[in-house]
Protein backbone atom coordinates (compact mmCIF):
# COMPACT_ATOMS: atom_id res chain seq x y z
CA MET A 1 -2.38 18.11 -22.91
CA ARG A 2 -4.96 15.52 -22.18
CA ILE A 3 -4.28 12.82 -19.60
CA ALA A 4 -6.25 9.61 -18.93
CA ILE A 5 -5.50 7.68 -15.96
CA ILE A 6 -7.04 4.26 -15.82
CA GLY A 7 -8.00 3.12 -12.20
CA GLY A 8 -9.68 5.26 -9.37
CA GLY A 9 -7.69 3.84 -6.42
CA PRO A 10 -5.51 6.15 -4.21
CA ALA A 11 -2.55 6.58 -6.92
CA GLY A 12 -5.18 7.30 -9.63
CA ILE A 13 -7.29 9.70 -7.84
CA SER A 14 -4.57 11.43 -6.05
CA LEU A 15 -2.69 12.01 -9.37
CA ALA A 16 -5.69 13.80 -10.78
CA TRP A 17 -5.97 15.79 -7.71
CA PHE A 18 -2.27 16.88 -7.91
CA LEU A 19 -2.76 18.03 -11.36
CA LYS A 20 -6.05 19.82 -10.81
CA GLY A 21 -5.99 23.28 -12.11
CA THR A 22 -2.67 22.97 -14.09
CA LYS A 23 -2.01 23.07 -17.87
CA PHE A 24 -3.07 19.52 -17.79
CA ASP A 25 -6.74 18.17 -18.58
CA VAL A 26 -7.12 15.05 -16.56
CA THR A 27 -9.76 12.30 -16.37
CA VAL A 28 -9.80 9.28 -14.14
CA TYR A 29 -11.69 6.18 -15.57
CA GLU A 30 -12.75 3.69 -12.89
CA GLY A 31 -14.55 0.44 -14.16
CA LEU A 32 -16.47 -0.25 -10.85
CA ASP A 33 -19.39 1.78 -9.59
CA ASP A 34 -17.43 3.01 -6.82
CA VAL A 35 -14.09 3.73 -5.42
CA GLY A 36 -12.14 2.10 -2.82
CA LYS A 37 -13.59 -1.37 -3.25
CA LYS A 38 -10.33 -3.53 -2.85
CA PRO A 39 -10.22 -4.61 0.66
CA CYS A 40 -7.38 -3.36 2.82
CA ALA A 41 -6.71 -2.52 6.67
CA TRP A 42 -7.45 1.34 5.95
CA GLY A 43 -4.17 2.30 7.71
CA VAL A 44 -2.24 5.31 6.36
CA LEU A 45 0.82 6.42 8.13
CA ARG A 46 1.88 9.71 9.03
CA GLY A 47 3.54 12.21 6.59
CA ILE A 48 0.88 11.60 3.98
CA GLU A 49 -0.70 14.86 5.22
CA ASN A 50 2.51 16.62 3.45
CA TYR A 51 1.19 15.22 0.33
CA ILE A 52 -2.44 15.12 0.24
CA GLU A 53 -5.43 16.61 2.06
CA ILE A 54 -7.13 14.02 4.05
CA PRO A 55 -10.98 14.67 4.24
CA LYS A 56 -11.65 15.09 8.06
CA GLU A 57 -14.92 12.93 7.72
CA SER A 58 -12.88 10.10 6.35
CA ILE A 59 -10.69 9.89 9.62
CA TYR A 60 -11.70 7.07 11.95
CA SER A 61 -9.01 7.39 14.53
CA GLU A 62 -5.27 8.19 14.97
CA ILE A 63 -2.75 5.47 15.22
CA LYS A 64 -0.61 6.05 18.34
CA GLY A 65 0.82 2.69 18.95
CA PHE A 66 1.96 -0.63 17.44
CA ARG A 67 2.47 -4.27 18.87
CA ILE A 68 4.69 -6.72 16.98
CA PHE A 69 4.02 -10.48 17.48
CA LEU A 70 6.24 -13.43 16.43
CA ASP A 71 4.59 -16.77 16.41
CA GLY A 72 1.87 -15.39 18.61
CA LYS A 73 4.20 -14.14 21.42
CA LEU A 74 4.38 -10.24 21.90
CA ILE A 75 7.84 -9.21 20.93
CA SER A 76 7.64 -5.42 21.27
CA GLU A 77 5.21 -2.59 21.80
CA VAL A 78 5.53 0.95 21.13
CA ARG A 79 3.02 3.73 22.06
CA GLU A 80 3.59 7.35 21.34
CA ARG A 81 1.89 10.59 22.43
CA SER A 82 1.80 11.87 18.84
CA LYS A 83 0.32 10.18 15.99
CA LEU A 84 2.10 7.51 13.95
CA GLY A 85 -0.83 7.59 11.38
CA TYR A 86 -4.42 7.26 10.70
CA ILE A 87 -7.36 4.81 10.16
CA VAL A 88 -9.31 6.15 7.44
CA ASP A 89 -12.48 5.09 5.63
CA LYS A 90 -10.66 4.50 2.39
CA PRO A 91 -13.98 4.42 -0.11
CA LEU A 92 -15.24 7.87 1.66
CA MET A 93 -11.71 9.29 1.44
CA LEU A 94 -11.41 8.59 -2.28
CA ARG A 95 -15.03 9.78 -3.02
CA ARG A 96 -14.35 13.11 -1.43
CA LEU A 97 -11.18 13.49 -3.19
CA GLY A 98 -12.83 12.03 -6.46
CA GLU A 99 -15.51 14.81 -6.14
CA LYS A 100 -12.77 17.38 -6.83
CA VAL A 101 -11.59 15.93 -9.99
CA ASP A 102 -13.18 14.37 -13.20
CA LEU A 103 -13.56 10.83 -12.05
CA ARG A 104 -15.87 8.67 -14.24
CA LEU A 105 -17.42 5.57 -12.73
CA ASN A 106 -18.59 2.59 -14.49
CA SER A 107 -15.80 3.49 -17.24
CA LYS A 108 -14.18 0.27 -18.53
CA ALA A 109 -10.93 1.86 -19.94
CA VAL A 110 -7.91 -0.19 -21.46
CA LEU A 111 -4.90 0.61 -23.47
CA GLU A 112 -4.70 -1.38 -26.52
CA ASN A 113 -1.74 -1.06 -29.18
CA GLY A 114 -1.20 2.45 -27.63
CA LYS A 115 -4.85 3.61 -28.15
CA LEU A 116 -7.11 4.09 -25.12
CA LYS A 117 -10.72 2.24 -25.48
CA LEU A 118 -13.26 3.27 -23.26
CA ASN A 119 -16.31 0.80 -22.98
CA GLY A 120 -15.03 -0.62 -26.26
CA LYS A 121 -14.74 2.54 -28.21
CA ILE A 122 -11.54 4.57 -28.83
CA GLU A 123 -11.15 7.53 -26.87
CA GLU A 124 -8.62 10.63 -27.55
CA ALA A 125 -6.03 11.09 -24.96
CA ASP A 126 -2.25 12.52 -25.31
CA LYS A 127 -1.03 10.32 -22.64
CA VAL A 128 -2.41 7.28 -20.62
CA ILE A 129 -1.27 6.58 -17.13
CA LEU A 130 -1.91 3.05 -15.71
CA ALA A 131 -3.09 2.99 -12.11
CA THR A 132 -4.95 -0.35 -12.30
CA GLY A 133 -3.11 -1.97 -8.82
CA HIS A 134 -2.70 -5.44 -8.67
CA TYR A 135 -5.04 -6.33 -11.29
CA SER A 136 -2.33 -5.45 -13.75
CA LEU A 137 0.37 -7.80 -12.06
CA SER A 138 1.06 -11.43 -12.49
CA LYS A 139 0.39 -13.73 -9.72
CA ASP A 140 4.30 -14.25 -9.11
CA LEU A 141 4.50 -10.43 -8.59
CA THR A 142 1.85 -10.63 -5.46
CA ILE A 143 0.76 -12.88 -2.74
CA PRO A 144 -2.53 -13.78 -1.60
CA ALA A 145 -4.18 -12.11 1.64
CA LEU A 146 -7.26 -12.98 3.46
CA GLN A 147 -9.15 -10.62 5.93
CA TYR A 148 -12.02 -10.60 8.25
CA VAL A 149 -14.11 -7.45 9.78
CA THR A 150 -15.00 -8.53 13.24
CA ASP A 151 -17.01 -6.89 16.03
CA LEU A 152 -13.83 -7.17 18.38
CA ASN A 153 -13.69 -4.25 20.74
CA TYR A 154 -10.40 -3.16 19.58
CA ASP A 155 -8.24 0.06 20.62
CA PRO A 156 -8.76 2.49 18.10
CA GLU A 157 -5.33 3.86 18.46
CA MET A 158 -3.37 0.39 18.27
CA VAL A 159 -2.10 -1.65 15.29
CA ASP A 160 -0.99 -5.36 15.80
CA MET A 161 1.49 -6.87 13.23
CA TYR A 162 2.19 -10.73 13.31
CA PHE A 163 5.05 -12.67 11.91
CA TYR A 164 5.84 -16.26 11.77
CA SER A 165 8.72 -18.59 11.66
CA ASP A 166 6.83 -20.96 9.04
CA LEU A 167 5.29 -18.13 6.90
CA LEU A 168 7.19 -15.59 4.80
CA GLY A 169 4.45 -13.03 5.26
CA TYR A 170 2.62 -11.00 7.93
CA GLY A 171 -0.64 -10.93 9.76
CA TRP A 172 -2.52 -7.83 11.04
CA ILE A 173 -5.21 -6.33 13.40
CA PHE A 174 -6.35 -2.81 12.49
CA PRO A 175 -9.23 -0.88 14.17
CA ASP A 176 -12.36 -0.58 12.25
CA PRO A 177 -15.49 1.29 12.85
CA LEU A 178 -17.24 -2.06 13.16
CA GLY A 179 -14.57 -3.35 15.43
CA ALA A 180 -11.37 -4.67 13.89
CA LYS A 181 -9.89 -5.78 10.54
CA ILE A 182 -8.04 -8.95 10.90
CA GLY A 183 -5.99 -10.64 8.08
CA VAL A 184 -3.16 -12.63 6.79
CA GLY A 185 -1.43 -12.44 3.76
CA GLY A 186 1.99 -14.32 2.46
CA TYR A 187 3.70 -16.79 0.22
CA SER A 188 1.67 -19.73 0.88
CA SER A 189 -1.46 -21.52 0.01
CA LEU A 190 -4.88 -19.98 0.89
CA GLU A 191 -5.51 -23.13 3.17
CA PHE A 192 -2.53 -22.34 5.13
CA ILE A 193 -3.16 -18.61 5.25
CA SER A 194 -6.65 -19.26 6.36
CA GLU A 195 -5.38 -21.49 9.24
CA LYS A 196 -3.17 -18.73 10.32
CA LEU A 197 -6.08 -16.13 10.19
CA LYS A 198 -8.01 -18.27 12.30
CA SER A 199 -5.36 -18.32 15.02
CA ILE A 200 -5.53 -14.52 15.34
CA THR A 201 -9.13 -13.91 14.94
CA SER A 202 -11.43 -12.67 17.64
CA GLY A 203 -14.96 -11.48 17.86
CA LYS A 204 -17.99 -12.36 15.61
CA ILE A 205 -17.05 -12.40 11.78
CA LEU A 206 -19.12 -9.78 9.98
CA VAL A 207 -17.52 -9.56 6.59
CA ARG A 208 -14.89 -11.93 4.89
CA HIS A 209 -13.00 -10.91 1.89
CA GLY A 210 -9.58 -11.46 0.11
CA ALA A 211 -7.38 -9.94 -2.31
CA ARG A 212 -3.80 -9.96 -3.82
CA VAL A 213 -1.19 -7.69 -2.94
CA ALA A 214 1.99 -6.58 -4.72
CA ASP A 215 4.96 -7.94 -2.72
CA PHE A 216 7.96 -7.56 -5.32
CA GLY A 217 9.06 -4.13 -5.02
CA VAL A 218 9.19 -1.68 -7.77
CA ILE A 219 8.86 -3.19 -11.09
CA GLU A 220 11.90 -1.70 -13.05
CA GLU A 221 10.46 -2.38 -16.61
CA ARG A 222 7.34 -0.22 -15.59
CA LEU A 223 9.50 2.92 -14.61
CA ASN A 224 8.73 4.29 -18.09
CA GLY A 225 6.21 7.14 -17.06
CA ASN A 226 3.10 5.03 -17.67
CA TYR A 227 2.63 3.40 -14.28
CA ILE A 228 1.95 4.46 -10.91
CA GLY A 229 0.92 3.03 -7.36
CA GLU A 230 0.52 -0.69 -6.86
CA ALA A 231 0.64 -1.41 -10.48
CA LEU A 232 4.16 -0.10 -10.26
CA GLY A 233 5.08 -2.08 -7.32
CA THR A 234 4.57 0.71 -4.63
CA VAL A 235 3.76 -1.61 -1.65
CA TYR A 236 6.01 -1.98 1.37
CA ALA A 237 6.89 -5.89 1.15
CA VAL A 238 7.48 -6.54 4.65
CA THR A 239 4.21 -5.04 5.81
CA GLY A 240 1.84 -4.58 2.80
CA GLU A 241 1.26 -1.10 3.25
CA GLY A 242 0.14 0.47 0.01
CA ILE A 243 -1.88 3.65 0.20
CA ARG A 244 0.68 6.06 1.18
CA PRO A 245 3.56 4.80 -1.07
CA SER A 246 0.94 4.94 -3.90
CA ILE A 247 -0.09 8.56 -3.29
CA ILE A 248 3.62 9.42 -3.09
CA SER A 249 4.25 7.80 -6.30
CA SER A 250 1.50 9.94 -7.72
CA LYS A 251 3.17 13.23 -6.41
CA ILE A 252 6.25 12.21 -8.03
CA MET A 253 4.64 11.59 -11.17
CA ALA A 254 2.70 14.86 -10.98
CA ASP A 255 5.94 16.80 -10.49
CA SER A 256 7.71 15.28 -13.23
CA LEU A 257 4.82 16.17 -15.73
CA LEU A 258 4.54 19.73 -14.28
CA GLU A 259 8.49 20.26 -14.33
CA GLY A 260 9.09 18.47 -17.63
CA LYS A 261 11.35 16.05 -16.06
CA ASP A 262 12.17 12.19 -16.60
CA PHE A 263 9.73 10.26 -14.12
CA SER A 264 12.01 7.28 -14.33
CA LYS A 265 14.98 9.32 -12.93
CA GLU A 266 12.90 11.40 -10.29
CA PHE A 267 11.61 8.21 -9.04
CA ARG A 268 15.04 6.46 -8.91
CA ASN A 269 16.28 9.37 -6.86
CA SER A 270 13.51 9.48 -4.44
CA LYS A 271 13.54 7.99 -0.85
CA LEU A 272 10.26 6.14 -1.65
CA TYR A 273 12.14 3.97 -4.35
CA TRP A 274 15.09 3.42 -2.01
CA SER A 275 13.04 2.33 1.04
CA LEU A 276 10.70 0.16 -1.15
CA GLN A 277 13.63 -1.70 -2.75
CA ILE A 278 15.11 -2.46 0.82
CA HIS A 279 12.07 -3.95 2.02
CA ALA A 280 11.76 -6.02 -1.33
CA SER A 281 15.37 -6.98 -0.77
CA VAL A 282 14.48 -8.39 2.79
CA ILE A 283 11.78 -10.62 1.22
CA LYS A 284 13.92 -11.55 -1.66
CA ARG A 285 16.63 -12.82 0.62
CA ALA A 286 14.32 -14.66 2.91
CA LYS A 287 12.83 -16.50 -0.34
CA ALA A 288 16.30 -17.35 -1.63
CA SER A 289 17.36 -18.91 1.64
CA ASN A 290 13.94 -20.42 2.18
CA SER A 291 13.99 -18.99 5.73
CA VAL A 292 12.83 -16.10 7.65
CA LYS A 293 15.38 -16.35 10.48
CA SER A 294 17.02 -13.04 9.72
CA LEU A 295 13.60 -11.27 10.22
CA GLU A 296 13.08 -13.05 13.31
CA LYS A 297 16.41 -12.22 14.57
CA VAL A 298 15.57 -8.51 13.80
CA LEU A 299 12.22 -8.87 15.60
CA LEU A 300 13.66 -10.41 18.66
CA ARG A 301 16.69 -8.15 19.27
CA ALA A 302 16.12 -4.74 17.74
CA ASP A 303 14.98 -1.50 19.46
CA PRO A 304 11.10 -1.58 18.83
CA LYS A 305 11.20 1.85 17.78
CA LEU A 306 13.62 1.09 15.17
CA VAL A 307 11.51 -1.80 14.01
CA VAL A 308 8.59 0.56 13.73
CA LYS A 309 10.72 3.03 11.72
CA PHE A 310 11.73 0.11 9.28
CA ALA A 311 8.14 -0.87 8.98
CA MET A 312 6.91 2.92 8.20
CA GLY A 313 9.76 3.11 5.56
CA ASP A 314 11.25 6.03 7.77
CA PHE A 315 14.66 4.45 7.77
CA GLY A 316 18.22 5.73 7.01
CA LYS A 317 21.40 3.60 6.18
CA LEU A 318 22.47 3.70 9.79
CA ASP A 319 19.25 2.38 10.83
CA LEU A 320 19.69 -0.63 8.48
CA ILE A 321 23.15 -1.24 9.76
CA LYS A 322 21.89 -1.53 13.11
CA LEU A 323 18.98 -3.83 12.11
CA PHE A 324 20.43 -6.14 9.60
CA GLY A 325 24.07 -5.30 9.36
CA SER A 326 25.96 -3.85 6.28
CA ALA A 327 24.97 -6.77 3.99
CA ILE A 328 21.71 -5.30 3.32
CA LEU A 329 23.23 -2.14 1.69
C-alpha cells in the first residue's frame, strides 16, 4: 500500500519514520526547499524519547526549569535535577530523520477531488495523509504569534512563560544557540502583540519572524484518518506546544494503520486527545467570558509543580480538580 504524506514537518516526517520498514511504502512531500522552516521556540518536552529517536547532534540543551510570570511579575519557579524536556535544533532534527525516510523537497503536493497532484501532475497513491500544519487551517482556528531571536545571554536550562490579564494568549523566552527566542501570541491584533513582545525583549534583535498557531484544540471533523499534527489541531492551547503532540498523533496514526484499527477511535481514546481538549476548554471558557481571571487565579494560587504538569499535558483528573475545580471536567 502506497501512502503519500503532504507536509515535511514533525508530524509528517515522524509518521514516515514510524512506518519505515513495514508493509507500507511511504513518501513525504514537502513544498519548500528545506524542513523546519516554520518559526517556533524549538522546545520539546520530556516523554518524546518514548516515541521517536532524537538525533543527539540536534539537542542544544536540556530544560530543567520553568518560570511563570503574570503581567511581568514572577509568580512561580520550578527547577528540577532531572530534565523536563529539550531545546532542539528543529530543522536539523527533521533533516536527520528525513534522511531515513523517502522525503522529497520542492514537491508541491495537493489533494484535489480525492486525487494527489504533485507539481500539477497526478501522482498515484492508495492513501493521502495531510500533515500541512497551520497552512490548512482557517484564521478562526489559529492565533497570530511574533518571535524574535536575540543575543540575550539566557540560561540554557530555563524556560520563561508569560501570561497577561489583558491578553488571552502567552509569551515565552526559550534558550537558543544564538541567545534566546522571545515571542508572544494570542487573540489580539499584531500591533498589540508587538507591544507585548517589546515589553519582554532583551538583547540585540538578530531575527524577526511570525506565524500562526493552532489554538482551537482537536478539529473533530478532521478525525477521519486523513490528518495528523497541527492540521488536526494537536497544539496545547494554553501554551502553544506543538512538536511533541504532533509526533504523538503520528504514532497513533502509525499504530492504527499497522494494526488495522480505526484512527478516530484510537485517537479519541488517547490521553493526548483528552489533554488537548482540556487545554482547549480552558481557552474557550475564557473567550466566552471575555476574561482570563480563572487562569490568573490558577497561576497565583496553585502549586507551581502542578501548573507545570498542566502546561506539559501531563495531568490527571485529580490534578484538574485541584487547579480549576470540578467544573472543568
